[in-house]
C-alpha atoms as a PDB file:
ATOM      1  CA  UNK A   1     -20.374   1.147  -5.453  1.00  0.00           C
ATOM      2  CA  UNK A   2     -18.279   3.759  -3.678  1.00  0.00           C
ATOM      3  CA  UNK A   3     -15.644   4.241  -6.390  1.00  0.00           C
ATOM      4  CA  UNK A   4     -12.717   2.944  -4.346  1.00  0.00           C
ATOM      5  CA  UNK A   5     -10.503  -0.023  -5.131  1.00  0.00           C
ATOM      6  CA  UNK A   6     -10.092  -3.270  -3.242  1.00  0.00           C
ATOM      7  CA  UNK A   7      -6.573  -2.135  -2.348  1.00  0.00           C
ATOM      8  CA  UNK A   8      -7.926   1.128  -0.900  1.00  0.00           C
ATOM      9  CA  UNK A   9     -10.503  -0.802   1.138  1.00  0.00           C
ATOM     10  CA  UNK A  10      -7.825  -3.180   2.448  1.00  0.00           C
ATOM     11  CA  UNK A  11      -5.597  -0.213   3.354  1.00  0.00           C
ATOM     12  CA  UNK A  12      -8.456   1.409   5.299  1.00  0.00           C
ATOM     13  CA  UNK A  13      -9.098  -1.883   7.113  1.00  0.00           C
ATOM     14  CA  UNK A  14      -5.396  -2.058   7.957  1.00  0.00           C
ATOM     15  CA  UNK A  15      -5.414   1.482   9.359  1.00  0.00           C
ATOM     16  CA  UNK A  16      -8.491   0.724  11.451  1.00  0.00           C
ATOM     17  CA  UNK A  17      -7.584  -2.774  12.650  1.00  0.00           C
ATOM     18  CA  UNK A  18      -3.820  -2.515  13.134  1.00  0.00           C
ATOM     19  CA  UNK A  19      -3.323   1.184  13.816  1.00  0.00           C
ATOM     20  CA  UNK A  20      -6.588   2.027  15.601  1.00  0.00           C
ATOM     21  CA  UNK A  21      -7.568   4.884  13.291  1.00  0.00           C
ATOM     22  CA  UNK A  22     -11.229   5.908  13.410  1.00  0.00           C
ATOM     23  CA  UNK A  23     -12.816   4.698  10.149  1.00  0.00           C
ATOM     24  CA  UNK A  24     -15.017   7.829  10.065  1.00  0.00           C
ATOM     25  CA  UNK A  25     -11.881   9.997   9.719  1.00  0.00           C
ATOM     26  CA  UNK A  26     -10.602   8.181   6.618  1.00  0.00           C
ATOM     27  CA  UNK A  27     -11.528   9.219   3.072  1.00  0.00           C
ATOM     28  CA  UNK A  28      -9.620   8.863  -0.222  1.00  0.00           C
ATOM     29  CA  UNK A  29      -8.395  12.482   0.002  1.00  0.00           C
ATOM     30  CA  UNK A  30      -7.467  12.280   3.691  1.00  0.00           C
ATOM     31  CA  UNK A  31      -3.778  12.995   4.219  1.00  0.00           C
ATOM     32  CA  UNK A  32      -1.861  11.031   6.817  1.00  0.00           C
ATOM     33  CA  UNK A  33      -0.957  14.285   8.566  1.00  0.00           C
ATOM     34  CA  UNK A  34      -4.717  14.950   8.901  1.00  0.00           C
ATOM     35  CA  UNK A  35      -4.822  11.738  10.949  1.00  0.00           C
ATOM     36  CA  UNK A  36      -1.936  13.019  13.143  1.00  0.00           C
ATOM     37  CA  UNK A  37       0.437  10.480  11.609  1.00  0.00           C
ATOM     38  CA  UNK A  38       4.051  11.505  11.207  1.00  0.00           C
ATOM     39  CA  UNK A  39       6.882  10.082   9.105  1.00  0.00           C
ATOM     40  CA  UNK A  40       7.795   7.499  11.782  1.00  0.00           C
ATOM     41  CA  UNK A  41       4.247   6.174  11.660  1.00  0.00           C
ATOM     42  CA  UNK A  42       4.491   5.939   7.885  1.00  0.00           C
ATOM     43  CA  UNK A  43       7.685   3.880   8.080  1.00  0.00           C
ATOM     44  CA  UNK A  44       5.864   1.397  10.302  1.00  0.00           C
ATOM     45  CA  UNK A  45       2.801   1.456   8.034  1.00  0.00           C
ATOM     46  CA  UNK A  46       4.904   0.849   4.911  1.00  0.00           C
ATOM     47  CA  UNK A  47       6.629  -2.104   6.574  1.00  0.00           C
ATOM     48  CA  UNK A  48       3.227  -3.602   7.389  1.00  0.00           C
ATOM     49  CA  UNK A  49       2.075  -2.904   3.807  1.00  0.00           C
ATOM     50  CA  UNK A  50       5.126  -4.783   2.474  1.00  0.00           C
ATOM     51  CA  UNK A  51       4.093  -7.804   4.511  1.00  0.00           C
ATOM     52  CA  UNK A  52       0.309  -7.631   4.104  1.00  0.00           C
ATOM     53  CA  UNK A  53       0.181  -6.746   0.405  1.00  0.00           C
ATOM     54  CA  UNK A  54       3.434  -8.454  -0.662  1.00  0.00           C
ATOM     55  CA  UNK A  55       4.301  -5.133  -2.304  1.00  0.00           C
ATOM     56  CA  UNK A  56       7.816  -3.925  -3.035  1.00  0.00           C
ATOM     57  CA  UNK A  57       7.594  -0.520  -1.353  1.00  0.00           C
ATOM     58  CA  UNK A  58      10.476   1.327   0.280  1.00  0.00           C
ATOM     59  CA  UNK A  59      10.255   2.698   3.799  1.00  0.00           C
ATOM     60  CA  UNK A  60      10.386   6.251   2.425  1.00  0.00           C
ATOM     61  CA  UNK A  61       7.809   5.808  -0.375  1.00  0.00           C
ATOM     62  CA  UNK A  62       5.165   8.003   1.295  1.00  0.00           C
ATOM     63  CA  UNK A  63       5.064  11.238   3.263  1.00  0.00           C
ATOM     64  CA  UNK A  64       2.604  12.593   5.838  1.00  0.00           C
ATOM     65  CA  UNK A  65       1.245  14.869   3.099  1.00  0.00           C
ATOM     66  CA  UNK A  66       0.217  11.930   0.908  1.00  0.00           C
ATOM     67  CA  UNK A  67      -3.423  10.881   0.758  1.00  0.00           C
ATOM     68  CA  UNK A  68      -4.779   7.465   1.604  1.00  0.00           C
ATOM     69  CA  UNK A  69      -5.826   7.046  -2.053  1.00  0.00           C
ATOM     70  CA  UNK A  70      -2.301   7.934  -3.231  1.00  0.00           C
ATOM     71  CA  UNK A  71      -0.770   5.239  -1.037  1.00  0.00           C
ATOM     72  CA  UNK A  72      -3.375   2.727  -2.264  1.00  0.00           C
ATOM     73  CA  UNK A  73      -2.370   3.603  -5.854  1.00  0.00           C
ATOM     74  CA  UNK A  74       1.303   3.201  -4.892  1.00  0.00           C
ATOM     75  CA  UNK A  75       0.558  -0.278  -3.535  1.00  0.00           C
ATOM     76  CA  UNK A  76      -1.268  -1.231  -6.733  1.00  0.00           C
ATOM     77  CA  UNK A  77       1.689  -0.054  -8.797  1.00  0.00           C
ATOM     78  CA  UNK A  78       4.172  -2.103  -6.768  1.00  0.00           C
ATOM     79  CA  UNK A  79       2.303  -5.396  -6.425  1.00  0.00           C
ATOM     80  CA  UNK A  80       4.462  -8.353  -7.517  1.00  0.00           C
ATOM     81  CA  UNK A  81       3.628 -10.381 -10.599  1.00  0.00           C
ATOM     82  CA  UNK A  82       1.459 -13.330  -9.615  1.00  0.00           C
ATOM     83  CA  UNK A  83       1.616 -15.129 -12.932  1.00  0.00           C
ATOM     84  CA  UNK A  84       2.844 -18.686 -12.171  1.00  0.00           C
ATOM     85  CA  UNK A  85       4.872 -18.967 -15.387  1.00  0.00           C
ATOM     86  CA  UNK A  86       6.687 -15.629 -15.175  1.00  0.00           C
ATOM     87  CA  UNK A  87       9.769 -16.929 -13.346  1.00  0.00           C
ATOM     88  CA  UNK A  88      10.075 -20.078 -15.442  1.00  0.00           C
ATOM     89  CA  UNK A  89       9.905 -18.111 -18.704  1.00  0.00           C
ATOM     90  CA  UNK A  90      12.759 -15.869 -17.603  1.00  0.00           C
ATOM     91  CA  UNK A  91      14.848 -18.849 -16.478  1.00  0.00           C
ATOM     92  CA  UNK A  92      14.525 -20.589 -19.859  1.00  0.00           C
ATOM     93  CA  UNK A  93      15.177 -17.488 -21.961  1.00  0.00           C
ATOM     94  CA  UNK A  94      17.668 -17.206 -24.808  1.00  0.00           C
ATOM     95  CA  UNK A  95      20.946 -18.984 -24.182  1.00  0.00           C
ATOM     96  CA  UNK A  96      24.077 -18.382 -26.228  1.00  0.00           C
END
C-alpha cells in the first residue's frame, strides 16, 4: 500500500486524464505551482472537482502553493453526506 487515499488517487487520475499532467511529476507533497499551474488553472480544477466528486468546494478553496495531498484532504472534508435517511430525518424534526 502506498499510504495515499482513494480520493488522492482519484485526484491524480483527474489531473492526468483531464488536465494532461505527467503522472511521474505528481506526488502527495507536489505543489500545483511545481506543475506550472496557476490560480486560473485551479479555478477550472475546482469546478471539475465539484462535479466529479460531488464536493461542496468554492472556486477559491486552493492556491498554487497547496499540495496535491492538501487538496485531496479538502475534498474529503467537503464530501456531501450520502446517508439515505439524513434528509428525511431533518424534514420530520421537532414541530411546534
